[in-house]
N, C-alpha and C. Protein backbone atom coordinates (compact mmCIF):
# COMPACT_ATOMS: atom_id res chain seq x y z
N MET A 1 -14.60 10.85 76.09
CA MET A 1 -14.85 12.27 75.90
C MET A 1 -14.55 12.98 77.22
N THR A 2 -13.80 14.03 77.15
CA THR A 2 -13.49 14.81 78.34
C THR A 2 -14.32 16.07 78.35
N ILE A 3 -14.71 16.48 79.52
CA ILE A 3 -15.51 17.69 79.68
C ILE A 3 -14.61 18.79 80.19
N ASP A 4 -14.59 19.89 79.51
CA ASP A 4 -13.78 21.03 79.91
C ASP A 4 -14.46 21.70 81.10
N PRO A 5 -13.78 21.79 82.27
CA PRO A 5 -14.41 22.39 83.44
C PRO A 5 -14.74 23.87 83.23
N ALA A 6 -14.09 24.52 82.27
CA ALA A 6 -14.36 25.93 82.01
C ALA A 6 -15.62 26.12 81.16
N GLY A 7 -16.20 25.03 80.68
CA GLY A 7 -17.41 25.11 79.86
C GLY A 7 -17.07 25.08 78.39
N PRO A 8 -18.06 25.15 77.51
CA PRO A 8 -17.81 25.06 76.07
C PRO A 8 -17.08 26.31 75.58
N SER A 9 -16.29 26.13 74.55
CA SER A 9 -15.59 27.26 73.96
C SER A 9 -16.59 28.11 73.18
N ARG A 10 -16.17 29.35 72.88
CA ARG A 10 -17.03 30.22 72.08
C ARG A 10 -17.31 29.60 70.71
N ARG A 11 -16.31 28.93 70.15
CA ARG A 11 -16.47 28.29 68.85
C ARG A 11 -17.53 27.20 68.92
N THR A 12 -17.49 26.37 69.96
CA THR A 12 -18.49 25.30 70.13
C THR A 12 -19.87 25.90 70.33
N PHE A 13 -19.95 26.95 71.15
CA PHE A 13 -21.23 27.61 71.43
C PHE A 13 -21.81 28.21 70.15
N LEU A 14 -20.98 28.92 69.36
CA LEU A 14 -21.46 29.52 68.11
C LEU A 14 -21.90 28.47 67.11
N ALA A 15 -21.17 27.37 67.03
CA ALA A 15 -21.55 26.29 66.11
C ALA A 15 -22.90 25.72 66.50
N ALA A 16 -23.12 25.54 67.80
CA ALA A 16 -24.41 25.02 68.28
C ALA A 16 -25.53 26.02 67.99
N ALA A 17 -25.26 27.32 68.19
CA ALA A 17 -26.28 28.35 67.94
C ALA A 17 -26.66 28.39 66.47
N VAL A 18 -25.67 28.27 65.58
CA VAL A 18 -25.94 28.27 64.14
C VAL A 18 -26.79 27.05 63.77
N ALA A 19 -26.49 25.89 64.34
CA ALA A 19 -27.25 24.67 64.05
C ALA A 19 -28.70 24.81 64.51
N VAL A 20 -28.91 25.39 65.70
CA VAL A 20 -30.27 25.59 66.22
C VAL A 20 -31.02 26.59 65.34
N ALA A 21 -30.36 27.69 64.96
CA ALA A 21 -31.02 28.70 64.12
C ALA A 21 -31.39 28.14 62.76
N ALA A 22 -30.54 27.29 62.20
CA ALA A 22 -30.83 26.69 60.89
C ALA A 22 -32.02 25.75 60.97
N ALA A 23 -32.19 25.07 62.10
CA ALA A 23 -33.29 24.12 62.26
C ALA A 23 -34.59 24.81 62.63
N ALA A 24 -34.55 26.03 63.15
CA ALA A 24 -35.75 26.71 63.65
C ALA A 24 -36.83 26.88 62.60
N PRO A 25 -36.56 27.34 61.35
CA PRO A 25 -37.64 27.50 60.37
C PRO A 25 -38.38 26.20 60.09
N ALA A 26 -37.68 25.07 60.05
CA ALA A 26 -38.33 23.79 59.80
C ALA A 26 -39.24 23.43 60.96
N VAL A 27 -38.80 23.68 62.19
CA VAL A 27 -39.62 23.38 63.36
C VAL A 27 -40.83 24.29 63.39
N MET A 28 -40.62 25.59 63.10
CA MET A 28 -41.74 26.54 63.11
C MET A 28 -42.77 26.18 62.06
N ALA A 29 -42.34 25.72 60.90
CA ALA A 29 -43.28 25.36 59.84
C ALA A 29 -44.16 24.19 60.27
N GLU A 30 -43.60 23.27 61.03
CA GLU A 30 -44.38 22.11 61.46
C GLU A 30 -45.35 22.46 62.57
N THR A 31 -45.03 23.47 63.38
CA THR A 31 -45.85 23.78 64.54
C THR A 31 -46.60 25.10 64.39
N GLU A 32 -46.85 25.53 63.17
CA GLU A 32 -47.54 26.78 62.94
C GLU A 32 -48.90 26.76 63.63
N THR A 33 -49.17 27.79 64.40
CA THR A 33 -50.41 27.87 65.15
C THR A 33 -51.53 28.35 64.24
N THR A 34 -52.69 27.72 64.37
CA THR A 34 -53.85 28.18 63.63
C THR A 34 -54.96 28.47 64.62
N ALA A 35 -55.91 29.23 64.18
CA ALA A 35 -57.09 29.52 64.99
C ALA A 35 -58.31 29.31 64.12
N ASP A 36 -59.38 28.90 64.74
CA ASP A 36 -60.63 28.72 64.02
C ASP A 36 -61.49 29.96 64.25
N PHE A 37 -61.67 30.74 63.19
CA PHE A 37 -62.44 31.97 63.27
C PHE A 37 -63.90 31.69 62.94
N LEU A 38 -64.80 32.22 63.75
CA LEU A 38 -66.23 32.18 63.50
C LEU A 38 -66.67 33.62 63.21
N PHE A 39 -67.73 33.77 62.42
CA PHE A 39 -68.18 35.09 62.00
C PHE A 39 -69.67 35.25 62.27
N VAL A 40 -70.08 36.49 62.56
CA VAL A 40 -71.50 36.80 62.78
C VAL A 40 -71.84 38.03 61.97
N GLN A 41 -72.92 37.92 61.20
CA GLN A 41 -73.44 39.06 60.45
C GLN A 41 -74.88 39.30 60.89
N THR A 42 -75.20 40.56 61.12
CA THR A 42 -76.57 40.90 61.51
C THR A 42 -77.16 41.81 60.44
N ALA A 43 -78.49 41.78 60.36
CA ALA A 43 -79.18 42.60 59.36
C ALA A 43 -80.55 43.00 59.89
N GLN A 44 -81.06 44.08 59.35
CA GLN A 44 -82.40 44.55 59.72
C GLN A 44 -83.47 43.58 59.24
N ALA A 45 -83.21 42.93 58.11
CA ALA A 45 -84.22 42.02 57.54
C ALA A 45 -83.55 41.05 56.60
N MET A 46 -84.33 40.08 56.13
CA MET A 46 -83.86 39.12 55.12
C MET A 46 -85.01 38.77 54.22
N ARG A 47 -84.64 38.34 53.02
CA ARG A 47 -85.64 37.79 52.10
C ARG A 47 -84.99 36.59 51.41
N PHE A 48 -85.82 35.64 51.03
CA PHE A 48 -85.32 34.43 50.40
C PHE A 48 -86.11 34.18 49.13
N ASP A 49 -85.37 34.00 48.03
CA ASP A 49 -85.97 33.66 46.74
C ASP A 49 -85.76 32.17 46.53
N ALA A 50 -86.80 31.38 46.75
CA ALA A 50 -86.70 29.92 46.65
C ALA A 50 -86.35 29.46 45.24
N ALA A 51 -86.79 30.19 44.23
CA ALA A 51 -86.52 29.78 42.84
C ALA A 51 -85.02 29.81 42.52
N THR A 52 -84.29 30.76 43.11
CA THR A 52 -82.85 30.87 42.83
C THR A 52 -81.99 30.44 44.02
N SER A 53 -82.65 30.05 45.12
CA SER A 53 -81.96 29.70 46.38
C SER A 53 -81.05 30.83 46.84
N ARG A 54 -81.55 32.06 46.70
CA ARG A 54 -80.75 33.23 47.05
C ARG A 54 -81.29 33.88 48.31
N LEU A 55 -80.43 33.95 49.33
CA LEU A 55 -80.74 34.62 50.60
C LEU A 55 -80.13 36.01 50.54
N THR A 56 -80.93 37.03 50.85
CA THR A 56 -80.43 38.40 50.87
C THR A 56 -80.65 38.99 52.25
N LEU A 57 -79.57 39.44 52.86
CA LEU A 57 -79.64 40.17 54.12
C LEU A 57 -79.75 41.64 53.77
N THR A 58 -80.88 42.25 54.09
CA THR A 58 -81.10 43.65 53.76
C THR A 58 -80.80 44.51 54.98
N GLY A 59 -80.17 45.64 54.73
CA GLY A 59 -79.74 46.48 55.85
C GLY A 59 -78.69 45.76 56.69
N VAL A 60 -77.77 45.04 56.00
CA VAL A 60 -76.74 44.29 56.71
C VAL A 60 -75.82 45.27 57.44
N SER A 61 -75.36 44.87 58.60
CA SER A 61 -74.44 45.71 59.37
C SER A 61 -73.16 45.95 58.57
N PRO A 62 -72.61 47.13 58.64
CA PRO A 62 -71.34 47.38 57.95
C PRO A 62 -70.16 46.65 58.61
N ALA A 63 -70.39 46.04 59.77
CA ALA A 63 -69.34 45.30 60.47
C ALA A 63 -69.70 43.83 60.57
N THR A 64 -68.76 42.96 60.20
CA THR A 64 -68.89 41.52 60.42
C THR A 64 -68.05 41.19 61.64
N LEU A 65 -68.67 40.58 62.63
CA LEU A 65 -67.97 40.23 63.87
C LEU A 65 -67.22 38.93 63.68
N PHE A 66 -66.08 38.78 64.35
CA PHE A 66 -65.34 37.52 64.31
C PHE A 66 -64.80 37.23 65.70
N PHE A 67 -64.60 35.94 65.97
CA PHE A 67 -64.02 35.55 67.25
C PHE A 67 -63.46 34.14 67.13
N THR A 68 -62.61 33.80 68.07
CA THR A 68 -62.07 32.46 68.16
C THR A 68 -62.34 31.93 69.55
N ASP A 69 -62.17 30.65 69.69
CA ASP A 69 -62.28 30.01 71.00
C ASP A 69 -60.89 29.90 71.60
N ARG A 70 -60.82 29.30 72.76
CA ARG A 70 -59.53 29.10 73.41
C ARG A 70 -58.56 28.37 72.52
N PRO A 71 -57.30 28.51 72.61
CA PRO A 71 -56.57 29.33 73.57
C PRO A 71 -56.32 30.75 73.07
N GLU A 72 -56.60 31.06 71.82
CA GLU A 72 -56.24 32.37 71.27
C GLU A 72 -57.13 33.51 71.76
N ARG A 73 -58.44 33.27 71.81
CA ARG A 73 -59.42 34.27 72.25
C ARG A 73 -59.25 35.61 71.55
N ILE A 74 -59.32 35.55 70.26
CA ILE A 74 -59.25 36.75 69.43
C ILE A 74 -60.67 37.16 69.10
N ALA A 75 -60.99 38.44 69.23
CA ALA A 75 -62.33 38.91 68.90
C ALA A 75 -62.23 40.31 68.33
N GLY A 76 -63.17 40.64 67.47
CA GLY A 76 -63.20 41.98 66.91
C GLY A 76 -64.21 42.06 65.80
N ASN A 77 -64.04 43.05 64.95
CA ASN A 77 -64.92 43.16 63.80
C ASN A 77 -64.12 43.66 62.62
N MET A 78 -64.63 43.34 61.46
CA MET A 78 -64.03 43.78 60.22
C MET A 78 -65.14 44.32 59.34
N SER A 79 -64.80 45.15 58.43
CA SER A 79 -65.77 45.71 57.52
C SER A 79 -66.41 44.58 56.70
N THR A 80 -67.72 44.59 56.59
CA THR A 80 -68.40 43.60 55.77
C THR A 80 -67.92 43.69 54.33
N ALA A 81 -67.60 44.89 53.86
CA ALA A 81 -67.06 45.06 52.50
C ALA A 81 -65.71 44.34 52.36
N ARG A 82 -64.93 44.23 53.43
CA ARG A 82 -63.67 43.49 53.36
C ARG A 82 -63.90 42.00 53.53
N PHE A 83 -64.98 41.62 54.19
CA PHE A 83 -65.25 40.20 54.43
C PHE A 83 -65.54 39.46 53.11
N VAL A 84 -66.26 40.09 52.22
CA VAL A 84 -66.66 39.41 50.97
C VAL A 84 -65.44 38.99 50.15
N PRO A 85 -64.46 39.85 49.88
CA PRO A 85 -63.28 39.38 49.14
C PRO A 85 -62.43 38.41 49.96
N PHE A 86 -62.42 38.55 51.27
CA PHE A 86 -61.70 37.67 52.18
C PHE A 86 -62.18 36.22 52.00
N TRP A 87 -63.43 36.09 51.60
CA TRP A 87 -64.08 34.80 51.39
C TRP A 87 -63.27 33.87 50.49
N SER A 88 -62.63 34.43 49.47
CA SER A 88 -61.96 33.60 48.47
C SER A 88 -60.44 33.61 48.58
N GLU A 89 -59.87 34.20 49.63
CA GLU A 89 -58.42 34.28 49.77
C GLU A 89 -57.86 33.08 50.51
N GLY A 90 -56.73 32.58 50.07
CA GLY A 90 -56.03 31.50 50.76
C GLY A 90 -56.45 30.12 50.29
N ALA A 91 -55.60 29.15 50.59
CA ALA A 91 -55.85 27.77 50.16
C ALA A 91 -57.02 27.14 50.91
N ASP A 92 -57.25 27.58 52.15
CA ASP A 92 -58.31 27.01 52.97
C ASP A 92 -59.47 28.00 53.07
N SER A 93 -59.90 28.53 51.93
CA SER A 93 -60.92 29.58 51.92
C SER A 93 -62.33 29.00 51.94
N PHE A 94 -63.30 29.89 52.20
CA PHE A 94 -64.70 29.48 52.12
C PHE A 94 -65.09 29.12 50.70
N GLN A 95 -64.43 29.71 49.71
CA GLN A 95 -64.76 29.39 48.33
C GLN A 95 -64.43 27.94 48.03
N SER A 96 -63.30 27.44 48.55
CA SER A 96 -62.92 26.04 48.30
C SER A 96 -63.68 25.07 49.19
N ASP A 97 -64.16 25.53 50.33
CA ASP A 97 -64.91 24.69 51.26
C ASP A 97 -66.01 25.54 51.88
N PRO A 98 -67.16 25.69 51.20
CA PRO A 98 -68.22 26.58 51.68
C PRO A 98 -68.66 26.24 53.11
N PRO A 99 -68.84 27.27 53.93
CA PRO A 99 -69.20 27.04 55.33
C PRO A 99 -70.69 26.79 55.52
N ASN A 100 -70.99 26.15 56.62
CA ASN A 100 -72.36 26.08 57.10
C ASN A 100 -72.62 27.36 57.87
N ALA A 101 -73.88 27.70 58.00
CA ALA A 101 -74.25 28.87 58.79
C ALA A 101 -75.62 28.63 59.39
N ASP A 102 -75.88 29.32 60.47
CA ASP A 102 -77.17 29.24 61.14
C ASP A 102 -77.83 30.60 61.01
N LEU A 103 -78.94 30.66 60.30
CA LEU A 103 -79.72 31.88 60.20
C LEU A 103 -80.71 31.86 61.36
N SER A 104 -80.57 32.82 62.27
CA SER A 104 -81.41 32.86 63.47
C SER A 104 -82.27 34.11 63.46
N LEU A 105 -83.52 33.93 63.83
CA LEU A 105 -84.44 35.06 63.91
C LEU A 105 -85.53 34.73 64.92
N ILE A 106 -86.19 35.76 65.39
CA ILE A 106 -87.31 35.58 66.31
C ILE A 106 -88.58 35.76 65.50
N GLU A 107 -89.46 34.74 65.56
CA GLU A 107 -90.71 34.77 64.83
C GLU A 107 -91.84 34.44 65.80
N ASP A 108 -92.77 35.36 65.96
CA ASP A 108 -93.89 35.19 66.90
C ASP A 108 -93.40 34.83 68.30
N GLY A 109 -92.31 35.49 68.73
CA GLY A 109 -91.80 35.28 70.08
C GLY A 109 -90.96 34.02 70.25
N SER A 110 -90.73 33.27 69.18
CA SER A 110 -89.94 32.04 69.27
C SER A 110 -88.72 32.12 68.37
N LEU A 111 -87.63 31.48 68.82
CA LEU A 111 -86.43 31.42 68.01
C LEU A 111 -86.64 30.47 66.85
N ARG A 112 -86.28 30.91 65.67
CA ARG A 112 -86.36 30.06 64.48
C ARG A 112 -84.96 30.00 63.88
N GLN A 113 -84.50 28.80 63.59
CA GLN A 113 -83.17 28.62 63.04
C GLN A 113 -83.23 27.78 61.78
N THR A 114 -82.42 28.19 60.80
CA THR A 114 -82.29 27.44 59.57
C THR A 114 -80.80 27.26 59.30
N VAL A 115 -80.37 26.02 59.10
CA VAL A 115 -78.96 25.74 58.84
C VAL A 115 -78.78 25.63 57.33
N VAL A 116 -77.79 26.37 56.83
CA VAL A 116 -77.56 26.43 55.38
C VAL A 116 -76.06 26.30 55.07
N VAL A 117 -75.77 26.02 53.80
CA VAL A 117 -74.42 26.15 53.26
C VAL A 117 -74.41 27.46 52.48
N LEU A 118 -73.40 28.30 52.72
CA LEU A 118 -73.32 29.60 52.05
C LEU A 118 -72.35 29.55 50.88
N LYS A 119 -72.76 30.14 49.76
CA LYS A 119 -71.90 30.23 48.58
C LYS A 119 -72.09 31.59 47.92
N ASP A 120 -71.11 31.99 47.14
CA ASP A 120 -71.19 33.15 46.25
C ASP A 120 -71.71 34.43 46.91
N PRO A 121 -71.00 34.97 47.90
CA PRO A 121 -71.46 36.21 48.51
C PRO A 121 -71.36 37.39 47.54
N GLU A 122 -72.31 38.30 47.64
CA GLU A 122 -72.30 39.49 46.80
C GLU A 122 -72.86 40.65 47.61
N LEU A 123 -72.05 41.68 47.80
CA LEU A 123 -72.47 42.85 48.54
C LEU A 123 -72.84 43.95 47.56
N SER A 124 -74.05 44.48 47.72
CA SER A 124 -74.52 45.57 46.87
C SER A 124 -75.17 46.61 47.78
N GLY A 125 -74.43 47.68 48.07
CA GLY A 125 -74.94 48.69 49.00
C GLY A 125 -75.08 48.08 50.38
N GLU A 126 -76.31 48.12 50.91
CA GLU A 126 -76.59 47.56 52.24
C GLU A 126 -77.20 46.16 52.17
N ASP A 127 -77.14 45.53 51.00
CA ASP A 127 -77.67 44.17 50.83
C ASP A 127 -76.53 43.19 50.59
N LEU A 128 -76.53 42.11 51.34
CA LEU A 128 -75.54 41.05 51.18
C LEU A 128 -76.29 39.78 50.82
N SER A 129 -75.98 39.21 49.65
CA SER A 129 -76.68 38.01 49.17
C SER A 129 -75.75 36.81 49.14
N TYR A 130 -76.33 35.65 49.40
CA TYR A 130 -75.64 34.37 49.29
C TYR A 130 -76.54 33.39 48.55
N THR A 131 -75.96 32.50 47.76
CA THR A 131 -76.67 31.33 47.28
C THR A 131 -76.59 30.34 48.42
N VAL A 132 -77.71 29.71 48.77
CA VAL A 132 -77.71 28.80 49.92
C VAL A 132 -78.26 27.42 49.55
N GLU A 133 -77.78 26.45 50.29
CA GLU A 133 -78.34 25.10 50.25
C GLU A 133 -78.87 24.85 51.66
N ILE A 134 -80.15 24.58 51.78
CA ILE A 134 -80.75 24.38 53.10
C ILE A 134 -80.45 22.97 53.60
N LEU A 135 -79.83 22.89 54.79
CA LEU A 135 -79.49 21.61 55.38
C LEU A 135 -80.51 21.16 56.43
N LYS A 136 -81.04 22.14 57.18
CA LYS A 136 -81.97 21.81 58.25
C LYS A 136 -82.89 22.99 58.50
N GLY A 137 -84.16 22.70 58.68
CA GLY A 137 -85.13 23.76 58.94
C GLY A 137 -85.78 24.25 57.67
N GLU A 138 -86.65 25.23 57.82
CA GLU A 138 -87.33 25.84 56.69
C GLU A 138 -86.96 27.31 56.62
N MET A 139 -86.69 27.77 55.42
CA MET A 139 -86.30 29.16 55.22
C MET A 139 -87.56 30.00 55.03
N PRO A 140 -87.74 31.03 55.86
CA PRO A 140 -88.89 31.90 55.65
C PRO A 140 -88.67 32.76 54.40
N ALA A 141 -89.74 33.23 53.81
CA ALA A 141 -89.63 34.11 52.64
C ALA A 141 -89.06 35.46 53.04
N SER A 142 -89.36 35.90 54.27
CA SER A 142 -88.83 37.16 54.76
C SER A 142 -88.89 37.17 56.29
N ALA A 143 -88.09 38.04 56.89
CA ALA A 143 -88.08 38.20 58.34
C ALA A 143 -87.33 39.48 58.67
N THR A 144 -87.46 39.91 59.92
CA THR A 144 -86.72 41.08 60.38
C THR A 144 -85.80 40.69 61.52
N GLU A 145 -84.83 41.57 61.80
CA GLU A 145 -83.87 41.38 62.90
C GLU A 145 -83.25 39.99 62.88
N VAL A 146 -82.37 39.76 61.92
CA VAL A 146 -81.78 38.43 61.73
C VAL A 146 -80.28 38.45 62.06
N ALA A 147 -79.78 37.27 62.40
CA ALA A 147 -78.35 37.09 62.64
C ALA A 147 -77.92 35.83 61.90
N LEU A 148 -76.77 35.92 61.25
CA LEU A 148 -76.21 34.79 60.51
C LEU A 148 -74.90 34.40 61.19
N PHE A 149 -74.86 33.19 61.77
CA PHE A 149 -73.68 32.68 62.46
C PHE A 149 -72.95 31.75 61.50
N ILE A 150 -71.76 32.17 61.08
CA ILE A 150 -71.01 31.46 60.04
C ILE A 150 -69.94 30.60 60.68
N ASP A 151 -69.89 29.32 60.25
CA ASP A 151 -68.93 28.36 60.78
C ASP A 151 -67.49 28.79 60.59
N ILE A 152 -66.65 28.00 61.18
CA ILE A 152 -65.22 28.30 61.27
C ILE A 152 -64.50 28.23 59.94
N ILE A 153 -63.43 28.98 59.92
CA ILE A 153 -62.42 28.83 58.89
C ILE A 153 -61.08 28.90 59.62
N GLY A 154 -60.27 27.87 59.47
CA GLY A 154 -58.98 27.81 60.16
C GLY A 154 -57.95 28.62 59.40
N ARG A 155 -57.20 29.43 60.13
CA ARG A 155 -56.16 30.26 59.53
C ARG A 155 -54.92 30.25 60.42
N PRO A 156 -53.74 30.24 59.79
CA PRO A 156 -52.50 30.34 60.56
C PRO A 156 -52.40 31.71 61.21
N LEU A 157 -51.68 31.79 62.32
CA LEU A 157 -51.53 33.05 63.04
C LEU A 157 -50.15 33.67 62.89
N THR A 158 -49.30 33.10 62.08
CA THR A 158 -47.95 33.65 61.95
C THR A 158 -47.96 34.91 61.12
N PRO A 159 -47.00 35.82 61.36
CA PRO A 159 -46.97 37.07 60.62
C PRO A 159 -46.72 36.90 59.13
N VAL A 160 -46.09 35.80 58.71
CA VAL A 160 -45.80 35.62 57.29
C VAL A 160 -46.86 34.81 56.58
N SER A 161 -47.89 34.41 57.28
CA SER A 161 -48.94 33.61 56.67
C SER A 161 -49.92 34.51 55.94
N PHE A 162 -50.90 33.88 55.30
CA PHE A 162 -51.96 34.58 54.58
C PHE A 162 -52.57 35.66 55.48
N ALA A 163 -52.61 36.85 54.99
CA ALA A 163 -53.19 38.00 55.70
C ALA A 163 -52.56 38.20 57.07
N GLY A 164 -51.31 37.83 57.23
CA GLY A 164 -50.65 37.91 58.54
C GLY A 164 -50.65 39.30 59.13
N ALA A 165 -50.39 40.31 58.33
CA ALA A 165 -50.35 41.67 58.86
C ALA A 165 -51.72 42.06 59.39
N ASP A 166 -52.77 41.72 58.67
CA ASP A 166 -54.11 42.03 59.14
C ASP A 166 -54.44 41.22 60.38
N ARG A 167 -54.01 39.96 60.41
CA ARG A 167 -54.36 39.10 61.53
C ARG A 167 -53.76 39.61 62.83
N ARG A 168 -52.54 40.16 62.79
CA ARG A 168 -51.96 40.72 64.01
C ARG A 168 -52.87 41.83 64.53
N ALA A 169 -53.45 42.60 63.63
CA ALA A 169 -54.33 43.70 64.03
C ALA A 169 -55.65 43.16 64.58
N PHE A 170 -56.08 41.97 64.14
CA PHE A 170 -57.34 41.41 64.64
C PHE A 170 -57.33 41.32 66.16
N ARG A 171 -56.18 41.04 66.73
CA ARG A 171 -56.09 40.87 68.18
C ARG A 171 -56.29 42.19 68.91
N ARG A 172 -56.11 43.31 68.21
CA ARG A 172 -56.09 44.58 68.88
C ARG A 172 -57.16 45.57 68.44
N ALA A 173 -57.67 45.44 67.25
CA ALA A 173 -58.51 46.52 66.74
C ALA A 173 -59.50 46.04 65.68
N ALA A 174 -60.31 46.96 65.30
CA ALA A 174 -61.25 46.69 64.21
C ALA A 174 -60.51 46.79 62.89
N ILE A 175 -60.96 46.05 61.87
CA ILE A 175 -60.34 46.05 60.56
C ILE A 175 -61.33 46.69 59.57
N TYR A 176 -60.94 47.83 59.02
CA TYR A 176 -61.81 48.51 58.05
C TYR A 176 -61.06 48.95 56.84
């Protein structure tokens, strides 16, 4: 093989560029970046109906906070009204794999935590209800000033992925 001292011809260069461009979508599909989103919901109070295993956050904040860990470091908030339908979107949704959550509250000056599995969210006015399965701790019948820390859901970050247009905005602004 001889090497042309003038470098590759335009034809050789274009052929190589076309080959690289054709291979790029396959490479991008294999290396699609995902982020693990965590969510926080706060409420003025909560009540728990043990007979139906239904947790209701009363006076829930109209904003559900979300964030990721390194390396993406995406943080922001989205409307709680948009969070509920978001629950069932995509192949890797909370509906197909219900998340764990930590219900945290202060009771008699001490932190009290109950770990639950969340299912079937329903927003009605300022009340957000979930069917729960208690994994650890005891659920109080009622409490005030509560926070619900919801486990991760992994989502791709590409613009053509599920909710891609919204996800680009997550990095910059609130979603309402």
